Amino acid sequence: MSKKKKIIIVAVILLALVLLFIGGNTFSKYVTEVNGKGVANVAKWSFKVNNNEAQIQTINLASSVDNTTLVDNKIAPGTSGNFEIKIDATGAEVGIDYKVSFINETNKPQNLFFTYNDKKYENITEIEKDIVGTIEANAEEKIKTINIHWEWPYETGKDAQIVANDKIDTQDGKNIAEYTFDVMVEGVQVVPQAS
């Protein structure tokens, strides 16, 4: 036999062994494919303020004043009232951190003050640090009502202070046409904790 024939025979044998090894492994093992599905239900989000999702209605301090003593829903020394901010997370399946802010306060009568949770505030913006909280995801009651009292006393202070404050009230009555502030209520999902 020639050397060339020997090389060809050895090459064919090696090729047959390689094909036998590859083919034997391919056809000699069991293969099972199991398919599944990943599933996660998404928690619902629901956050309303005074029954509205988009914007809060105007809070009118004069709405609780006896209009027989004043004209056109105005406030003056001797008036007082309350207003509510209702935060509603009913239907939410996550915890919600809420925060109430009062911004752009302008033309506040100097002797008008606010009370929240039996604490007195000279300006409405001072209250916001105390109107924060959390409505838990599994809370039975998911409505938080914030009640803020306001008052512009008829007389402020004692003795000589009354005279000075009457002058301040009179000036405020002449100079202030409208007292305004903006209310912003923010609800943010509580960051889930790993179990």
C-alpha atoms as a PDB file:
ATOM      1  CA  MET A   1       0.000   0.000   0.000  1.00  0.00           C
ATOM      2  CA  SER A   2       1.163   3.383  -0.841  1.00  0.00           C
ATOM      3  CA  LYS A   3       1.806   6.057   1.646  1.00  0.00           C
ATOM      4  CA  LYS A   4      -0.889   8.210   0.137  1.00  0.00           C
ATOM      5  CA  LYS A   5      -3.487   5.470   0.548  1.00  0.00           C
ATOM      6  CA  LYS A   6      -2.469   4.942   4.186  1.00  0.00           C
ATOM      7  CA  ILE A   7      -2.900   8.655   4.933  1.00  0.00           C
ATOM      8  CA  ILE A   8      -6.354   8.655   3.293  1.00  0.00           C
ATOM      9  CA  ILE A   9      -7.434   5.539   5.240  1.00  0.00           C
ATOM     10  CA  VAL A  10      -6.203   7.040   8.555  1.00  0.00           C
ATOM     11  CA  ALA A  11      -7.964  10.322   7.762  1.00  0.00           C
ATOM     12  CA  VAL A  12     -11.249   8.514   6.953  1.00  0.00           C
ATOM     13  CA  ILE A  13     -10.989   6.474  10.165  1.00  0.00           C
ATOM     14  CA  LEU A  14     -10.320   9.622  12.242  1.00  0.00           C
ATOM     15  CA  LEU A  15     -13.194  11.427  10.539  1.00  0.00           C
ATOM     16  CA  ALA A  16     -15.497   8.456  11.201  1.00  0.00           C
ATOM     17  CA  LEU A  17     -14.436   8.432  14.876  1.00  0.00           C
ATOM     18  CA  VAL A  18     -15.078  12.180  15.224  1.00  0.00           C
ATOM     19  CA  LEU A  19     -18.504  11.885  13.566  1.00  0.00           C
ATOM     20  CA  LEU A  20     -19.306   8.854  15.685  1.00  0.00           C
ATOM     21  CA  PHE A  21     -18.328  10.756  18.865  1.00  0.00           C
ATOM     22  CA  ILE A  22     -20.327  13.876  17.965  1.00  0.00           C
ATOM     23  CA  GLY A  23     -23.300  11.943  16.660  1.00  0.00           C
ATOM     24  CA  GLY A  24     -23.214   9.479  19.537  1.00  0.00           C
ATOM     25  CA  ASN A  25     -23.303  12.260  22.121  1.00  0.00           C
ATOM     26  CA  THR A  26     -26.091  14.038  20.302  1.00  0.00           C
ATOM     27  CA  PHE A  27     -28.308  11.010  20.123  1.00  0.00           C
ATOM     28  CA  SER A  28     -27.315   9.298  23.336  1.00  0.00           C
ATOM     29  CA  LYS A  29     -28.520  11.759  25.982  1.00  0.00           C
ATOM     30  CA  TYR A  30     -31.983  12.514  27.231  1.00  0.00           C
ATOM     31  CA  VAL A  31     -33.201  16.085  26.773  1.00  0.00           C
ATOM     32  CA  THR A  32     -36.276  17.454  28.518  1.00  0.00           C
ATOM     33  CA  GLU A  33     -37.532  20.987  28.153  1.00  0.00           C
ATOM     34  CA  VAL A  34     -39.891  22.394  30.799  1.00  0.00           C
ATOM     35  CA  ASN A  35     -41.567  25.735  30.176  1.00  0.00           C
ATOM     36  CA  GLY A  36     -42.983  28.022  32.830  1.00  0.00           C
ATOM     37  CA  LYS A  37     -44.162  31.578  33.246  1.00  0.00           C
ATOM     38  CA  GLY A  38     -43.093  34.468  35.492  1.00  0.00           C
ATOM     39  CA  VAL A  39     -46.049  36.230  37.066  1.00  0.00           C
ATOM     40  CA  ALA A  40     -46.323  39.303  39.278  1.00  0.00           C
ATOM     41  CA  ASN A  41     -49.531  41.126  40.038  1.00  0.00           C
ATOM     42  CA  VAL A  42     -49.065  44.900  40.074  1.00  0.00           C
ATOM     43  CA  ALA A  43     -50.317  46.754  43.154  1.00  0.00           C
ATOM     44  CA  LYS A  44     -52.980  49.369  42.489  1.00  0.00           C
ATOM     45  CA  TRP A  45     -52.327  53.061  43.113  1.00  0.00           C
ATOM     46  CA  SER A  46     -55.041  55.352  44.398  1.00  0.00           C
ATOM     47  CA  PHE A  47     -54.493  58.782  45.954  1.00  0.00           C
ATOM     48  CA  LYS A  48     -57.148  61.472  46.199  1.00  0.00           C
ATOM     49  CA  VAL A  49     -57.399  64.737  48.066  1.00  0.00           C
ATOM     50  CA  ASN A  50     -60.862  66.079  48.841  1.00  0.00           C
ATOM     51  CA  ASN A  51     -62.262  63.484  46.404  1.00  0.00           C
ATOM     52  CA  ASN A  52     -60.142  64.746  43.519  1.00  0.00           C
ATOM     53  CA  GLU A  53     -57.078  63.181  41.863  1.00  0.00           C
ATOM     54  CA  ALA A  54     -55.910  66.160  39.820  1.00  0.00           C
ATOM     55  CA  GLN A  55     -56.135  69.266  41.968  1.00  0.00           C
ATOM     56  CA  ILE A  56     -57.440  70.372  45.315  1.00  0.00           C
ATOM     57  CA  GLN A  57     -60.464  72.590  45.386  1.00  0.00           C
ATOM     58  CA  THR A  58     -60.134  76.161  46.606  1.00  0.00           C
ATOM     59  CA  ILE A  59     -60.168  76.465  50.356  1.00  0.00           C
ATOM     60  CA  ASN A  60     -62.273  79.463  51.299  1.00  0.00           C
ATOM     61  CA  LEU A  61     -61.718  80.568  54.894  1.00  0.00           C
ATOM     62  CA  ALA A  62     -64.898  82.632  54.785  1.00  0.00           C
ATOM     63  CA  SER A  63     -67.090  79.608  54.004  1.00  0.00           C
ATOM     64  CA  SER A  64     -67.651  78.955  57.728  1.00  0.00           C
ATOM     65  CA  VAL A  65     -68.292  82.581  58.711  1.00  0.00           C
ATOM     66  CA  ASP A  66     -71.784  83.856  59.593  1.00  0.00           C
ATOM     67  CA  ASN A  67     -72.575  85.888  56.493  1.00  0.00           C
ATOM     68  CA  THR A  68     -75.187  88.014  58.278  1.00  0.00           C
ATOM     69  CA  THR A  69     -72.374  90.004  59.894  1.00  0.00           C
ATOM     70  CA  LEU A  70     -70.173  90.319  56.782  1.00  0.00           C
ATOM     71  CA  VAL A  71     -70.726  91.026  53.106  1.00  0.00           C
ATOM     72  CA  ASP A  72     -69.730  88.695  50.229  1.00  0.00           C
ATOM     73  CA  ASN A  73     -67.887  85.947  52.135  1.00  0.00           C
ATOM     74  CA  LYS A  74     -65.182  88.111  53.622  1.00  0.00           C
ATOM     75  CA  ILE A  75     -63.201  87.706  56.828  1.00  0.00           C
ATOM     76  CA  ALA A  76     -62.563  90.391  59.463  1.00  0.00           C
ATOM     77  CA  PRO A  77     -61.489  90.645  63.099  1.00  0.00           C
ATOM     78  CA  GLY A  78     -63.810  88.458  65.166  1.00  0.00           C
ATOM     79  CA  THR A  79     -64.200  85.719  62.535  1.00  0.00           C
ATOM     80  CA  SER A  80     -63.017  82.134  62.763  1.00  0.00           C
ATOM     81  CA  GLY A  81     -63.637  78.782  61.150  1.00  0.00           C
ATOM     82  CA  ASN A  82     -62.249  75.417  60.093  1.00  0.00           C
ATOM     83  CA  PHE A  83     -61.269  73.778  56.853  1.00  0.00           C
ATOM     84  CA  GLU A  84     -60.501  70.147  56.107  1.00  0.00           C
ATOM     85  CA  ILE A  85     -58.101  68.369  53.816  1.00  0.00           C
ATOM     86  CA  LYS A  86     -59.172  64.769  53.268  1.00  0.00           C
ATOM     87  CA  ILE A  87     -56.463  62.394  52.043  1.00  0.00           C
ATOM     88  CA  ASP A  88     -57.920  59.186  50.635  1.00  0.00           C
ATOM     89  CA  ALA A  89     -55.821  56.127  49.760  1.00  0.00           C
ATOM     90  CA  THR A  90     -58.821  53.779  49.509  1.00  0.00           C
ATOM     91  CA  GLY A  91     -58.091  51.174  46.851  1.00  0.00           C
ATOM     92  CA  ALA A  92     -54.302  51.599  47.010  1.00  0.00           C
ATOM     93  CA  GLU A  93     -52.422  48.345  47.526  1.00  0.00           C
ATOM     94  CA  VAL A  94     -49.204  50.054  48.586  1.00  0.00           C
ATOM     95  CA  GLY A  95     -48.334  52.211  51.565  1.00  0.00           C
ATOM     96  CA  ILE A  96     -48.391  55.957  50.941  1.00  0.00           C
ATOM     97  CA  ASP A  97     -46.296  58.665  52.576  1.00  0.00           C
ATOM     98  CA  TYR A  98     -48.192  61.956  52.432  1.00  0.00           C
ATOM     99  CA  LYS A  99     -47.110  65.532  52.953  1.00  0.00           C
ATOM    100  CA  VAL A 100     -49.180  68.728  52.937  1.00  0.00           C
ATOM    101  CA  SER A 101     -47.490  71.993  51.960  1.00  0.00           C
ATOM    102  CA  PHE A 102     -48.803  75.546  51.951  1.00  0.00           C
ATOM    103  CA  ILE A 103     -46.950  77.787  49.528  1.00  0.00           C
ATOM    104  CA  ASN A 104     -47.201  81.276  48.086  1.00  0.00           C
ATOM    105  CA  GLU A 105     -48.873  82.745  51.170  1.00  0.00           C
ATOM    106  CA  THR A 106     -49.588  86.432  50.519  1.00  0.00           C
ATOM    107  CA  ASN A 107     -51.361  89.251  52.343  1.00  0.00           C
ATOM    108  CA  LYS A 108     -52.070  87.432  55.608  1.00  0.00           C
ATOM    109  CA  PRO A 109     -53.683  89.668  58.214  1.00  0.00           C
ATOM    110  CA  GLN A 110     -51.042  89.990  60.941  1.00  0.00           C
ATOM    111  CA  ASN A 111     -53.275  88.906  63.826  1.00  0.00           C
ATOM    112  CA  LEU A 112     -54.853  85.910  62.059  1.00  0.00           C
ATOM    113  CA  PHE A 113     -53.568  82.578  63.356  1.00  0.00           C
ATOM    114  CA  PHE A 114     -54.096  78.855  62.786  1.00  0.00           C
ATOM    115  CA  THR A 115     -54.488  75.875  65.115  1.00  0.00           C
ATOM    116  CA  TYR A 116     -53.766  72.253  64.237  1.00  0.00           C
ATOM    117  CA  ASN A 117     -53.788  69.433  66.817  1.00  0.00           C
ATOM    118  CA  ASP A 118     -54.136  72.012  69.624  1.00  0.00           C
ATOM    119  CA  LYS A 119     -50.955  73.808  68.549  1.00  0.00           C
ATOM    120  CA  LYS A 120     -51.065  77.488  67.515  1.00  0.00           C
ATOM    121  CA  TYR A 121     -49.291  78.732  64.366  1.00  0.00           C
ATOM    122  CA  GLU A 122     -48.783  82.352  63.311  1.00  0.00           C
ATOM    123  CA  ASN A 123     -48.570  81.428  59.605  1.00  0.00           C
ATOM    124  CA  ILE A 124     -50.113  78.559  57.690  1.00  0.00           C
ATOM    125  CA  THR A 125     -46.717  77.616  56.260  1.00  0.00           C
ATOM    126  CA  GLU A 126     -45.535  76.693  59.781  1.00  0.00           C
ATOM    127  CA  ILE A 127     -48.113  73.873  59.958  1.00  0.00           C
ATOM    128  CA  GLU A 128     -46.693  71.840  57.087  1.00  0.00           C
ATOM    129  CA  LYS A 129     -43.863  70.332  59.153  1.00  0.00           C
ATOM    130  CA  ASP A 130     -46.547  68.687  61.308  1.00  0.00           C
ATOM    131  CA  ILE A 131     -48.805  67.459  58.483  1.00  0.00           C
ATOM    132  CA  VAL A 132     -46.819  64.472  57.287  1.00  0.00           C
ATOM    133  CA  GLY A 133     -47.564  60.812  57.772  1.00  0.00           C
ATOM    134  CA  THR A 134     -48.009  57.359  56.320  1.00  0.00           C
ATOM    135  CA  ILE A 135     -51.089  55.419  55.343  1.00  0.00           C
ATOM    136  CA  GLU A 136     -50.012  51.785  55.594  1.00  0.00           C
ATOM    137  CA  ALA A 137     -50.820  49.366  52.749  1.00  0.00           C
ATOM    138  CA  ASN A 138     -52.754  47.060  55.068  1.00  0.00           C
ATOM    139  CA  ALA A 139     -54.456  49.783  57.144  1.00  0.00           C
ATOM    140  CA  GLU A 140     -58.156  49.240  57.740  1.00  0.00           C
ATOM    141  CA  GLU A 141     -58.871  52.977  57.464  1.00  0.00           C
ATOM    142  CA  LYS A 142     -57.157  54.605  54.495  1.00  0.00           C
ATOM    143  CA  ILE A 143     -58.672  58.066  54.843  1.00  0.00           C
ATOM    144  CA  LYS A 144     -56.850  60.768  56.817  1.00  0.00           C
ATOM    145  CA  THR A 145     -58.790  63.962  57.565  1.00  0.00           C
ATOM    146  CA  ILE A 146     -56.728  66.999  58.503  1.00  0.00           C
ATOM    147  CA  ASN A 147     -58.758  69.670  60.283  1.00  0.00           C
ATOM    148  CA  ILE A 148     -57.220  73.148  60.535  1.00  0.00           C
ATOM    149  CA  HIS A 149     -58.823  75.898  62.600  1.00  0.00           C
ATOM    150  CA  TRP A 150     -58.235  79.567  61.807  1.00  0.00           C
ATOM    151  CA  GLU A 151     -59.101  82.650  63.819  1.00  0.00           C
ATOM    152  CA  TRP A 152     -58.786  86.395  63.482  1.00  0.00           C
ATOM    153  CA  PRO A 153     -59.572  87.531  67.044  1.00  0.00           C
ATOM    154  CA  TYR A 154     -61.729  90.587  67.624  1.00  0.00           C
ATOM    155  CA  GLU A 155     -59.162  91.846  70.117  1.00  0.00           C
ATOM    156  CA  THR A 156     -55.597  90.593  70.274  1.00  0.00           C
ATOM    157  CA  GLY A 157     -53.437  90.864  73.380  1.00  0.00           C
ATOM    158  CA  LYS A 158     -54.109  92.569  76.715  1.00  0.00           C
ATOM    159  CA  ASP A 159     -54.633  96.195  77.737  1.00  0.00           C
ATOM    160  CA  ALA A 160     -52.177  98.400  75.778  1.00  0.00           C
ATOM    161  CA  GLN A 161     -51.539  95.587  73.262  1.00  0.00           C
ATOM    162  CA  ILE A 162     -55.215  95.641  72.283  1.00  0.00           C
ATOM    163  CA  VAL A 163     -54.978  99.267  71.120  1.00  0.00           C
ATOM    164  CA  ALA A 164     -51.808  98.586  69.105  1.00  0.00           C
ATOM    165  CA  ASN A 165     -53.314  95.436  67.543  1.00  0.00           C
ATOM    166  CA  ASP A 166     -56.563  97.258  66.721  1.00  0.00           C
ATOM    167  CA  LYS A 167     -54.458  99.705  64.671  1.00  0.00           C
ATOM    168  CA  ILE A 168     -52.768  96.759  62.913  1.00  0.00           C
ATOM    169  CA  ASP A 169     -56.159  95.175  62.158  1.00  0.00           C
ATOM    170  CA  THR A 170     -57.476  98.479  60.809  1.00  0.00           C
ATOM    171  CA  GLN A 171     -54.437  98.893  58.528  1.00  0.00           C
ATOM    172  CA  ASP A 172     -54.769  95.286  57.305  1.00  0.00           C
ATOM    173  CA  GLY A 173     -58.459  95.927  56.590  1.00  0.00           C
ATOM    174  CA  LYS A 174     -57.537  98.960  54.479  1.00  0.00           C
ATOM    175  CA  ASN A 175     -54.551  97.442  52.650  1.00  0.00           C
ATOM    176  CA  ILE A 176     -55.444  93.782  52.110  1.00  0.00           C
ATOM    177  CA  ALA A 177     -58.019  92.936  49.469  1.00  0.00           C
ATOM    178  CA  GLU A 178     -57.354  89.199  49.388  1.00  0.00           C
ATOM    179  CA  TYR A 179     -55.398  86.754  51.543  1.00  0.00           C
ATOM    180  CA  THR A 180     -54.209  83.756  49.502  1.00  0.00           C
ATOM    181  CA  PHE A 181     -52.148  80.609  49.815  1.00  0.00           C
ATOM    182  CA  ASP A 182     -51.697  77.496  47.691  1.00  0.00           C
ATOM    183  CA  VAL A 183     -52.185  73.996  49.037  1.00  0.00           C
ATOM    184  CA  MET A 184     -50.104  71.110  47.717  1.00  0.00           C
ATOM    185  CA  VAL A 185     -50.688  67.552  48.910  1.00  0.00           C
ATOM    186  CA  GLU A 186     -48.115  64.982  47.829  1.00  0.00           C
ATOM    187  CA  GLY A 187     -48.521  61.223  48.016  1.00  0.00           C
ATOM    188  CA  VAL A 188     -45.518  58.964  47.419  1.00  0.00           C
ATOM    189  CA  GLN A 189     -45.413  55.186  47.510  1.00  0.00           C
ATOM    190  CA  VAL A 190     -43.638  53.790  50.559  1.00  0.00           C
ATOM    191  CA  VAL A 191     -40.440  51.975  49.542  1.00  0.00           C
ATOM    192  CA  PRO A 192     -41.105  48.229  49.896  1.00  0.00           C
ATOM    193  CA  GLN A 193     -38.904  46.389  52.399  1.00  0.00           C
ATOM    194  CA  ALA A 194     -37.340  43.015  51.634  1.00  0.00           C
ATOM    195  CA  SER A 195     -38.769  40.162  53.686  1.00  0.00           C
END
